[in-house]
Amino acid sequence: MSRELRLPTLDDSDFRQLQKLMANASGIILAPTKRPMMAERLLVRLQHYRFDSYADYLSLLDQPRNVEERRRLVELLISNETYFFREHPHFDYLGSWLAGQQGPLKLWSAACSSGEEPYSLAMVAKEHLHNSDWSVLASDLSQSMLEKAAAAIYDMAQAKYFPRDWLHRHCLGGTGDMGGHFRVQGALRERVRLREINLVRPLPDDLGLFDVIFLRNVLIYFNNDEKQRIVQRLVKRLRPGGLLFIGHAENIHGFDVPLRLLDPAVYERL
């Protein structure tokens, strides 16, 4: 007779320890509402090690030598939902703004996930800028997401929000085993520089200043004090007159930063 399969339970103590681990590693505060998601996503690691409990997995994470497993924990628990031209009014606004700019321009996708946002930025820049002196920095906390961004291969379903004809102008369709996929063209990939950056840590000294920074759908993971520190950190890297984009569901009202609102979730550095 087969016995009933019972899934392990993520109890209060284990949940709080996971919250602390995530906060220390990434600065992200996972709300109690994320508990079912945490349990579900980490189940695959319990199965990998053949552990019967989350407590066993936490004991593994607590061992100093398991740096890579702690990195994997962060990557598993960070939501990476994204797609090309997400919140498309931002890209419409950016295109109009870029059309009036001159000289070299630097754009930064500060939480680039698997690359859809920075490649969207690159396409907008290619279409609207009147000069060829521009670049995009794409940074993320997750090394595995950066590897996906470097490959720049996506399911064709991702093309549904592309502006008319842009898929054909900026991407290559897959054939054979890659049928149903597309890849961003090499000329655009060369414009996008990928880099691992943790936004809750001091930023690298060599970043320089940017004309446009996209910091979208990131602040929702942090408490208010950390949100303000992150925004202050990035605004220091935004040139006067440059643009900061945040997610439409995010709010930086009352933050001590030299910004003025231009459009929903679009700010100008004063």
C-alpha atoms as a PDB file:
ATOM      1  CA  MET A   1       0.000   0.000   0.000  1.00  0.00           C
ATOM      2  CA  SER A   2       1.422   3.402  -0.958  1.00  0.00           C
ATOM      3  CA  ARG A   3       1.579   6.061   1.731  1.00  0.00           C
ATOM      4  CA  GLU A   4       0.188   9.562   1.257  1.00  0.00           C
ATOM      5  CA  LEU A   5       2.775  12.081   0.079  1.00  0.00           C
ATOM      6  CA  ARG A   6       3.052  14.964   2.576  1.00  0.00           C
ATOM      7  CA  LEU A   7       4.736  18.204   1.614  1.00  0.00           C
ATOM      8  CA  PRO A   8       6.991  19.926   4.164  1.00  0.00           C
ATOM      9  CA  THR A   9       5.630  22.959   5.998  1.00  0.00           C
ATOM     10  CA  LEU A  10       7.352  26.343   6.074  1.00  0.00           C
ATOM     11  CA  ASP A  11       6.716  27.226   9.720  1.00  0.00           C
ATOM     12  CA  ASP A  12       6.996  30.654  11.361  1.00  0.00           C
ATOM     13  CA  SER A  13      10.577  30.209  12.535  1.00  0.00           C
ATOM     14  CA  ASP A  14      11.839  28.986   9.136  1.00  0.00           C
ATOM     15  CA  PHE A  15       9.992  31.786   7.357  1.00  0.00           C
ATOM     16  CA  ARG A  16      11.560  34.464   9.573  1.00  0.00           C
ATOM     17  CA  GLN A  17      15.010  32.978   9.024  1.00  0.00           C
ATOM     18  CA  LEU A  18      14.488  33.026   5.262  1.00  0.00           C
ATOM     19  CA  GLN A  19      13.339  36.636   5.470  1.00  0.00           C
ATOM     20  CA  LYS A  20      16.540  37.511   7.333  1.00  0.00           C
ATOM     21  CA  LEU A  21      18.708  35.643   4.823  1.00  0.00           C
ATOM     22  CA  MET A  22      17.083  37.487   1.914  1.00  0.00           C
ATOM     23  CA  ALA A  23      17.378  40.853   3.643  1.00  0.00           C
ATOM     24  CA  ASN A  24      21.072  40.316   4.389  1.00  0.00           C
ATOM     25  CA  ALA A  25      21.881  39.047   0.898  1.00  0.00           C
ATOM     26  CA  SER A  26      19.836  41.429  -1.215  1.00  0.00           C
ATOM     27  CA  GLY A  27      18.151  44.031   0.985  1.00  0.00           C
ATOM     28  CA  ILE A  28      14.778  42.687  -0.145  1.00  0.00           C
ATOM     29  CA  ILE A  29      12.126  42.367   2.557  1.00  0.00           C
ATOM     30  CA  LEU A  30       9.740  39.547   1.680  1.00  0.00           C
ATOM     31  CA  ALA A  31       6.283  40.239   3.093  1.00  0.00           C
ATOM     32  CA  PRO A  32       4.301  37.504   4.900  1.00  0.00           C
ATOM     33  CA  THR A  33       2.029  37.348   1.856  1.00  0.00           C
ATOM     34  CA  LYS A  34       5.022  35.914  -0.056  1.00  0.00           C
ATOM     35  CA  ARG A  35       5.236  32.903   2.245  1.00  0.00           C
ATOM     36  CA  PRO A  36       3.328  30.446  -0.004  1.00  0.00           C
ATOM     37  CA  MET A  37       5.478  31.545  -2.959  1.00  0.00           C
ATOM     38  CA  MET A  38       8.652  31.006  -0.945  1.00  0.00           C
ATOM     39  CA  ALA A  39       7.575  27.531   0.109  1.00  0.00           C
ATOM     40  CA  GLU A  40       6.666  26.563  -3.453  1.00  0.00           C
ATOM     41  CA  ARG A  41       9.840  27.879  -5.104  1.00  0.00           C
ATOM     42  CA  LEU A  42      12.200  26.400  -2.519  1.00  0.00           C
ATOM     43  CA  LEU A  43      10.572  22.980  -2.661  1.00  0.00           C
ATOM     44  CA  VAL A  44      12.700  22.190  -5.707  1.00  0.00           C
ATOM     45  CA  ARG A  45      15.867  22.725  -3.624  1.00  0.00           C
ATOM     46  CA  LEU A  46      14.562  20.455  -0.859  1.00  0.00           C
ATOM     47  CA  GLN A  47      13.901  17.788  -3.469  1.00  0.00           C
ATOM     48  CA  HIS A  48      17.354  18.322  -4.967  1.00  0.00           C
ATOM     49  CA  TYR A  49      19.021  17.588  -1.609  1.00  0.00           C
ATOM     50  CA  ARG A  50      16.359  15.058  -0.563  1.00  0.00           C
ATOM     51  CA  PHE A  51      15.592  17.062   2.550  1.00  0.00           C
ATOM     52  CA  ASP A  52      12.399  16.450   4.501  1.00  0.00           C
ATOM     53  CA  SER A  53      12.117  19.943   5.943  1.00  0.00           C
ATOM     54  CA  TYR A  54      12.934  23.583   5.299  1.00  0.00           C
ATOM     55  CA  ALA A  55      14.917  23.539   8.543  1.00  0.00           C
ATOM     56  CA  ASP A  56      17.353  21.068   6.939  1.00  0.00           C
ATOM     57  CA  TYR A  57      17.774  23.398   3.979  1.00  0.00           C
ATOM     58  CA  LEU A  58      18.329  26.384   6.261  1.00  0.00           C
ATOM     59  CA  SER A  59      21.061  24.463   8.080  1.00  0.00           C
ATOM     60  CA  LEU A  60      22.750  23.926   4.725  1.00  0.00           C
ATOM     61  CA  LEU A  61      22.504  27.626   3.883  1.00  0.00           C
ATOM     62  CA  ASP A  62      24.029  28.503   7.246  1.00  0.00           C
ATOM     63  CA  GLN A  63      27.286  26.779   6.362  1.00  0.00           C
ATOM     64  CA  PRO A  64      29.832  29.398   5.194  1.00  0.00           C
ATOM     65  CA  ARG A  65      31.042  27.309   2.249  1.00  0.00           C
ATOM     66  CA  ASN A  66      27.616  27.277   0.580  1.00  0.00           C
ATOM     67  CA  VAL A  67      27.894  30.712  -1.034  1.00  0.00           C
ATOM     68  CA  GLU A  68      26.503  29.495  -4.366  1.00  0.00           C
ATOM     69  CA  GLU A  69      23.438  27.985  -2.723  1.00  0.00           C
ATOM     70  CA  ARG A  70      22.697  31.272  -0.964  1.00  0.00           C
ATOM     71  CA  ARG A  71      22.983  32.986  -4.357  1.00  0.00           C
ATOM     72  CA  ARG A  72      20.559  30.432  -5.782  1.00  0.00           C
ATOM     73  CA  LEU A  73      18.141  31.158  -2.934  1.00  0.00           C
ATOM     74  CA  VAL A  74      18.055  34.859  -3.832  1.00  0.00           C
ATOM     75  CA  GLU A  75      17.539  34.103  -7.523  1.00  0.00           C
ATOM     76  CA  LEU A  76      14.698  31.694  -6.782  1.00  0.00           C
ATOM     77  CA  LEU A  77      12.832  34.142  -4.576  1.00  0.00           C
ATOM     78  CA  ILE A  78      13.190  37.257  -6.718  1.00  0.00           C
ATOM     79  CA  SER A  79      10.265  37.652  -9.073  1.00  0.00           C
ATOM     80  CA  ASN A  80      11.526  38.041 -12.641  1.00  0.00           C
ATOM     81  CA  GLU A  81       8.280  38.664 -14.507  1.00  0.00           C
ATOM     82  CA  THR A  82       9.046  40.900 -17.445  1.00  0.00           C
ATOM     83  CA  TYR A  83       8.413  41.343 -21.149  1.00  0.00           C
ATOM     84  CA  PHE A  84       9.387  43.645 -23.994  1.00  0.00           C
ATOM     85  CA  PHE A  85       7.941  47.183 -23.846  1.00  0.00           C
ATOM     86  CA  ARG A  86       6.295  46.558 -20.478  1.00  0.00           C
ATOM     87  CA  GLU A  87       4.293  49.639 -19.402  1.00  0.00           C
ATOM     88  CA  HIS A  88       4.544  50.863 -22.991  1.00  0.00           C
ATOM     89  CA  PRO A  89       3.632  54.551 -22.317  1.00  0.00           C
ATOM     90  CA  HIS A  90       7.097  54.871 -20.779  1.00  0.00           C
ATOM     91  CA  PHE A  91       8.708  53.851 -24.051  1.00  0.00           C
ATOM     92  CA  ASP A  92       6.482  56.238 -26.008  1.00  0.00           C
ATOM     93  CA  TYR A  93       7.525  59.072 -23.685  1.00  0.00           C
ATOM     94  CA  LEU A  94      11.198  58.074 -23.893  1.00  0.00           C
ATOM     95  CA  GLY A  95      11.101  57.969 -27.701  1.00  0.00           C
ATOM     96  CA  SER A  96       9.708  61.482 -27.923  1.00  0.00           C
ATOM     97  CA  TRP A  97      12.282  62.758 -25.416  1.00  0.00           C
ATOM     98  CA  LEU A  98      15.217  61.058 -27.160  1.00  0.00           C
ATOM     99  CA  ALA A  99      14.222  62.583 -30.517  1.00  0.00           C
ATOM    100  CA  GLY A 100      15.087  66.013 -29.108  1.00  0.00           C
ATOM    101  CA  GLN A 101      18.471  65.063 -27.630  1.00  0.00           C
ATOM    102  CA  GLN A 102      21.926  65.670 -29.054  1.00  0.00           C
ATOM    103  CA  GLY A 103      25.370  64.318 -28.241  1.00  0.00           C
ATOM    104  CA  PRO A 104      26.371  61.078 -26.482  1.00  0.00           C
ATOM    105  CA  LEU A 105      23.683  59.435 -24.356  1.00  0.00           C
ATOM    106  CA  LYS A 106      23.853  56.740 -21.676  1.00  0.00           C
ATOM    107  CA  LEU A 107      20.813  54.743 -20.573  1.00  0.00           C
ATOM    108  CA  TRP A 108      20.642  52.370 -17.602  1.00  0.00           C
ATOM    109  CA  SER A 109      18.217  49.521 -16.968  1.00  0.00           C
ATOM    110  CA  ALA A 110      18.970  49.122 -13.264  1.00  0.00           C
ATOM    111  CA  ALA A 111      17.062  45.865 -12.716  1.00  0.00           C
ATOM    112  CA  CYS A 112      17.246  44.281 -16.140  1.00  0.00           C
ATOM    113  CA  SER A 113      16.147  40.714 -15.285  1.00  0.00           C
ATOM    114  CA  SER A 114      16.485  38.542 -18.417  1.00  0.00           C
ATOM    115  CA  GLY A 115      17.107  41.482 -20.742  1.00  0.00           C
ATOM    116  CA  GLU A 116      13.741  42.462 -22.168  1.00  0.00           C
ATOM    117  CA  GLU A 117      13.843  45.992 -20.731  1.00  0.00           C
ATOM    118  CA  PRO A 118      17.378  47.006 -21.817  1.00  0.00           C
ATOM    119  CA  TYR A 119      16.842  45.616 -25.316  1.00  0.00           C
ATOM    120  CA  SER A 120      13.567  47.542 -25.486  1.00  0.00           C
ATOM    121  CA  LEU A 121      15.531  50.659 -24.512  1.00  0.00           C
ATOM    122  CA  ALA A 122      18.111  49.913 -27.196  1.00  0.00           C
ATOM    123  CA  MET A 123      15.422  49.590 -29.870  1.00  0.00           C
ATOM    124  CA  VAL A 124      13.832  52.889 -28.829  1.00  0.00           C
ATOM    125  CA  ALA A 125      17.231  54.602 -28.907  1.00  0.00           C
ATOM    126  CA  LYS A 126      18.016  53.146 -32.331  1.00  0.00           C
ATOM    127  CA  GLU A 127      14.672  54.329 -33.713  1.00  0.00           C
ATOM    128  CA  HIS A 128      14.594  57.842 -32.256  1.00  0.00           C
ATOM    129  CA  LEU A 129      18.121  59.144 -31.724  1.00  0.00           C
ATOM    130  CA  HIS A 130      19.683  61.137 -34.560  1.00  0.00           C
ATOM    131  CA  ASN A 131      23.216  60.089 -33.636  1.00  0.00           C
ATOM    132  CA  SER A 132      24.962  56.791 -33.091  1.00  0.00           C
ATOM    133  CA  ASP A 133      26.780  57.728 -29.888  1.00  0.00           C
ATOM    134  CA  TRP A 134      24.664  55.947 -27.278  1.00  0.00           C
ATOM    135  CA  SER A 135      24.840  52.907 -25.005  1.00  0.00           C
ATOM    136  CA  VAL A 136      22.744  50.941 -22.528  1.00  0.00           C
ATOM    137  CA  LEU A 137      23.924  49.527 -19.197  1.00  0.00           C
ATOM    138  CA  ALA A 138      21.890  46.507 -18.071  1.00  0.00           C
ATOM    139  CA  SER A 139      22.438  45.471 -14.465  1.00  0.00           C
ATOM    140  CA  ASP A 140      20.855  42.952 -12.149  1.00  0.00           C
ATOM    141  CA  LEU A 141      21.453  41.140  -8.886  1.00  0.00           C
ATOM    142  CA  SER A 142      20.967  37.712 -10.484  1.00  0.00           C
ATOM    143  CA  GLN A 143      23.826  36.152 -12.449  1.00  0.00           C
ATOM    144  CA  SER A 144      21.503  33.626 -14.074  1.00  0.00           C
ATOM    145  CA  MET A 145      19.261  36.433 -15.365  1.00  0.00           C
ATOM    146  CA  LEU A 146      22.294  38.233 -16.778  1.00  0.00           C
ATOM    147  CA  GLU A 147      23.306  35.040 -18.593  1.00  0.00           C
ATOM    148  CA  LYS A 148      19.852  34.881 -20.191  1.00  0.00           C
ATOM    149  CA  ALA A 149      20.136  38.538 -21.145  1.00  0.00           C
ATOM    150  CA  ALA A 150      23.524  37.884 -22.742  1.00  0.00           C
ATOM    151  CA  ALA A 151      22.032  35.102 -24.879  1.00  0.00           C
ATOM    152  CA  ALA A 152      19.204  37.478 -25.947  1.00  0.00           C
ATOM    153  CA  ILE A 153      17.001  34.587 -27.137  1.00  0.00           C
ATOM    154  CA  TYR A 154      13.276  34.833 -26.415  1.00  0.00           C
ATOM    155  CA  ASP A 155      10.048  33.013 -27.089  1.00  0.00           C
ATOM    156  CA  MET A 156       8.099  34.476 -30.001  1.00  0.00           C
ATOM    157  CA  ALA A 157       5.193  35.136 -27.614  1.00  0.00           C
ATOM    158  CA  GLN A 158       7.357  37.973 -26.240  1.00  0.00           C
ATOM    159  CA  ALA A 159       6.927  39.817 -29.542  1.00  0.00           C
ATOM    160  CA  LYS A 160       3.237  40.597 -29.010  1.00  0.00           C
ATOM    161  CA  TYR A 161       3.906  44.131 -27.663  1.00  0.00           C
ATOM    162  CA  PHE A 162       6.522  45.146 -30.222  1.00  0.00           C
ATOM    163  CA  PRO A 163       5.745  48.284 -32.247  1.00  0.00           C
ATOM    164  CA  ARG A 164       4.831  47.495 -35.831  1.00  0.00           C
ATOM    165  CA  ASP A 165       7.741  46.059 -37.876  1.00  0.00           C
ATOM    166  CA  TRP A 166      10.246  46.453 -35.033  1.00  0.00           C
ATOM    167  CA  LEU A 167      10.615  42.690 -34.603  1.00  0.00           C
ATOM    168  CA  HIS A 168      11.778  42.388 -38.211  1.00  0.00           C
ATOM    169  CA  ARG A 169      14.066  45.405 -37.984  1.00  0.00           C
ATOM    170  CA  HIS A 170      15.828  44.529 -34.753  1.00  0.00           C
ATOM    171  CA  CYS A 171      15.601  40.753 -34.297  1.00  0.00           C
ATOM    172  CA  LEU A 172      16.309  37.498 -36.118  1.00  0.00           C
ATOM    173  CA  GLY A 173      13.770  34.671 -36.295  1.00  0.00           C
ATOM    174  CA  GLY A 174      14.868  31.204 -35.218  1.00  0.00           C
ATOM    175  CA  THR A 175      14.810  28.166 -37.495  1.00  0.00           C
ATOM    176  CA  GLY A 176      14.969  24.425 -36.888  1.00  0.00           C
ATOM    177  CA  ASP A 177      15.308  23.684 -33.181  1.00  0.00           C
ATOM    178  CA  MET A 178      15.029  27.430 -32.503  1.00  0.00           C
ATOM    179  CA  GLY A 179      11.719  27.768 -34.319  1.00  0.00           C
ATOM    180  CA  GLY A 180       9.243  29.819 -32.312  1.00  0.00           C
ATOM    181  CA  HIS A 181      12.051  31.957 -30.896  1.00  0.00           C
ATOM    182  CA  PHE A 182      13.858  35.133 -31.895  1.00  0.00           C
ATOM    183  CA  ARG A 183      17.187  36.722 -31.026  1.00  0.00           C
ATOM    184  CA  VAL A 184      18.037  40.398 -30.717  1.00  0.00           C
ATOM    185  CA  GLN A 185      20.363  41.388 -33.557  1.00  0.00           C
ATOM    186  CA  GLY A 186      24.077  41.557 -32.853  1.00  0.00           C
ATOM    187  CA  ALA A 187      24.297  45.274 -33.626  1.00  0.00           C
ATOM    188  CA  LEU A 188      21.904  46.011 -30.764  1.00  0.00           C
ATOM    189  CA  ARG A 189      23.410  43.438 -28.404  1.00  0.00           C
ATOM    190  CA  GLU A 190      26.753  45.217 -28.803  1.00  0.00           C
ATOM    191  CA  ARG A 191      25.162  48.424 -27.504  1.00  0.00           C
ATOM    192  CA  VAL A 192      24.052  46.743 -24.254  1.00  0.00           C
ATOM    193  CA  ARG A 193      26.644  46.179 -21.529  1.00  0.00           C
ATOM    194  CA  LEU A 194      25.695  43.648 -18.844  1.00  0.00           C
ATOM    195  CA  ARG A 195      26.889  43.964 -15.274  1.00  0.00           C
ATOM    196  CA  GLU A 196      26.048  42.437 -11.888  1.00  0.00           C
ATOM    197  CA  ILE A 197      25.088  45.240  -9.482  1.00  0.00           C
ATOM    198  CA  ASN A 198      23.280  45.044  -6.144  1.00  0.00           C
ATOM    199  CA  LEU A 199      21.336  48.293  -5.727  1.00  0.00           C
ATOM    200  CA  VAL A 200      21.338  48.124  -1.925  1.00  0.00           C
ATOM    201  CA  ARG A 201      25.140  48.270  -1.892  1.00  0.00           C
ATOM    202  CA  PRO A 202      27.318  51.281  -2.782  1.00  0.00           C
ATOM    203  CA  LEU A 203      27.403  51.628  -6.558  1.00  0.00           C
ATOM    204  CA  PRO A 204      30.644  51.005  -8.475  1.00  0.00           C
ATOM    205  CA  ASP A 205      32.803  54.126  -8.743  1.00  0.00           C
ATOM    206  CA  ASP A 206      33.270  53.754 -12.494  1.00  0.00           C
ATOM    207  CA  LEU A 207      29.599  53.994 -13.510  1.00  0.00           C
ATOM    208  CA  GLY A 208      29.675  57.671 -14.422  1.00  0.00           C
ATOM    209  CA  LEU A 209      26.512  59.679 -15.131  1.00  0.00           C
ATOM    210  CA  PHE A 210      23.431  58.626 -17.099  1.00  0.00           C
ATOM    211  CA  ASP A 211      20.869  60.489 -19.141  1.00  0.00           C
ATOM    212  CA  VAL A 212      18.093  57.946 -18.504  1.00  0.00           C
ATOM    213  CA  ILE A 213      17.634  55.455 -15.666  1.00  0.00           C
ATOM    214  CA  PHE A 214      14.873  52.845 -15.571  1.00  0.00           C
ATOM    215  CA  LEU A 215      14.239  51.686 -11.986  1.00  0.00           C
ATOM    216  CA  ARG A 216      10.892  50.000 -12.488  1.00  0.00           C
ATOM    217  CA  ASN A 217       9.068  47.427 -10.379  1.00  0.00           C
ATOM    218  CA  VAL A 218      12.013  47.135  -8.000  1.00  0.00           C
ATOM    219  CA  LEU A 219      11.159  49.440  -5.097  1.00  0.00           C
ATOM    220  CA  ILE A 220       8.098  47.373  -4.171  1.00  0.00           C
ATOM    221  CA  TYR A 221      10.438  44.802  -2.600  1.00  0.00           C
ATOM    222  CA  PHE A 222      11.968  47.197  -0.046  1.00  0.00           C
ATOM    223  CA  ASN A 223      10.882  49.059   3.055  1.00  0.00           C
ATOM    224  CA  ASN A 224      10.487  52.821   2.818  1.00  0.00           C
ATOM    225  CA  ASP A 225      13.917  53.713   4.220  1.00  0.00           C
ATOM    226  CA  GLU A 226      15.696  51.353   1.830  1.00  0.00           C
ATOM    227  CA  LYS A 227      13.617  52.651  -1.091  1.00  0.00           C
ATOM    228  CA  GLN A 228      14.753  56.192  -0.360  1.00  0.00           C
ATOM    229  CA  ARG A 229      18.408  55.151  -0.073  1.00  0.00           C
ATOM    230  CA  ILE A 230      18.248  53.325  -3.409  1.00  0.00           C
ATOM    231  CA  VAL A 231      16.608  56.265  -5.170  1.00  0.00           C
ATOM    232  CA  GLN A 232      19.093  58.728  -3.673  1.00  0.00           C
ATOM    233  CA  ARG A 233      21.968  56.476  -4.763  1.00  0.00           C
ATOM    234  CA  LEU A 234      20.743  56.310  -8.354  1.00  0.00           C
ATOM    235  CA  VAL A 235      19.735  59.963  -8.661  1.00  0.00           C
ATOM    236  CA  LYS A 236      23.345  60.896  -7.895  1.00  0.00           C
ATOM    237  CA  ARG A 237      24.212  59.025 -11.122  1.00  0.00           C
ATOM    238  CA  LEU A 238      21.593  60.910 -13.164  1.00  0.00           C
ATOM    239  CA  ARG A 239      22.724  64.060 -14.923  1.00  0.00           C
ATOM    240  CA  PRO A 240      20.680  67.274 -14.480  1.00  0.00           C
ATOM    241  CA  GLY A 241      17.842  67.188 -16.991  1.00  0.00           C
ATOM    242  CA  GLY A 242      18.008  63.389 -17.182  1.00  0.00           C
ATOM    243  CA  LEU A 243      15.001  61.125 -16.686  1.00  0.00           C
ATOM    244  CA  LEU A 244      14.195  58.563 -13.987  1.00  0.00           C
ATOM    245  CA  PHE A 245      11.429  56.031 -14.692  1.00  0.00           C
ATOM    246  CA  ILE A 246       9.840  54.015 -11.882  1.00  0.00           C
ATOM    247  CA  GLY A 247       6.999  51.483 -11.984  1.00  0.00           C
ATOM    248  CA  HIS A 248       3.446  52.799 -12.229  1.00  0.00           C
ATOM    249  CA  ALA A 249       2.586  50.974  -8.990  1.00  0.00           C
ATOM    250  CA  GLU A 250       5.499  52.579  -7.125  1.00  0.00           C
ATOM    251  CA  ASN A 251       5.704  55.849  -5.229  1.00  0.00           C
ATOM    252  CA  ILE A 252       8.638  58.043  -4.200  1.00  0.00           C
ATOM    253  CA  HIS A 253       6.565  60.984  -2.933  1.00  0.00           C
ATOM    254  CA  GLY A 254       8.263  62.718  -0.021  1.00  0.00           C
ATOM    255  CA  PHE A 255      11.729  61.351  -0.756  1.00  0.00           C
ATOM    256  CA  ASP A 256      14.604  63.801  -0.294  1.00  0.00           C
ATOM    257  CA  VAL A 257      15.719  63.802  -3.933  1.00  0.00           C
ATOM    258  CA  PRO A 258      16.096  66.613  -6.543  1.00  0.00           C
ATOM    259  CA  LEU A 259      13.374  65.361  -8.887  1.00  0.00           C
ATOM    260  CA  ARG A 260      10.230  66.787 -10.431  1.00  0.00           C
ATOM    261  CA  LEU A 261       7.373  64.763 -11.857  1.00  0.00           C
ATOM    262  CA  LEU A 262       6.929  65.120 -15.626  1.00  0.00           C
ATOM    263  CA  ASP A 263       4.494  62.311 -16.402  1.00  0.00           C
ATOM    264  CA  PRO A 264       3.083  59.316 -14.498  1.00  0.00           C
ATOM    265  CA  ALA A 265       6.132  57.558 -12.967  1.00  0.00           C
ATOM    266  CA  VAL A 266       8.555  59.760 -15.004  1.00  0.00           C
ATOM    267  CA  TYR A 267      10.822  62.225 -13.171  1.00  0.00           C
ATOM    268  CA  GLU A 268      13.414  64.796 -14.243  1.00  0.00           C
ATOM    269  CA  ARG A 269      16.628  65.428 -12.319  1.00  0.00           C
ATOM    270  CA  LEU A 270      16.773  69.078 -11.284  1.00  0.00           C
END
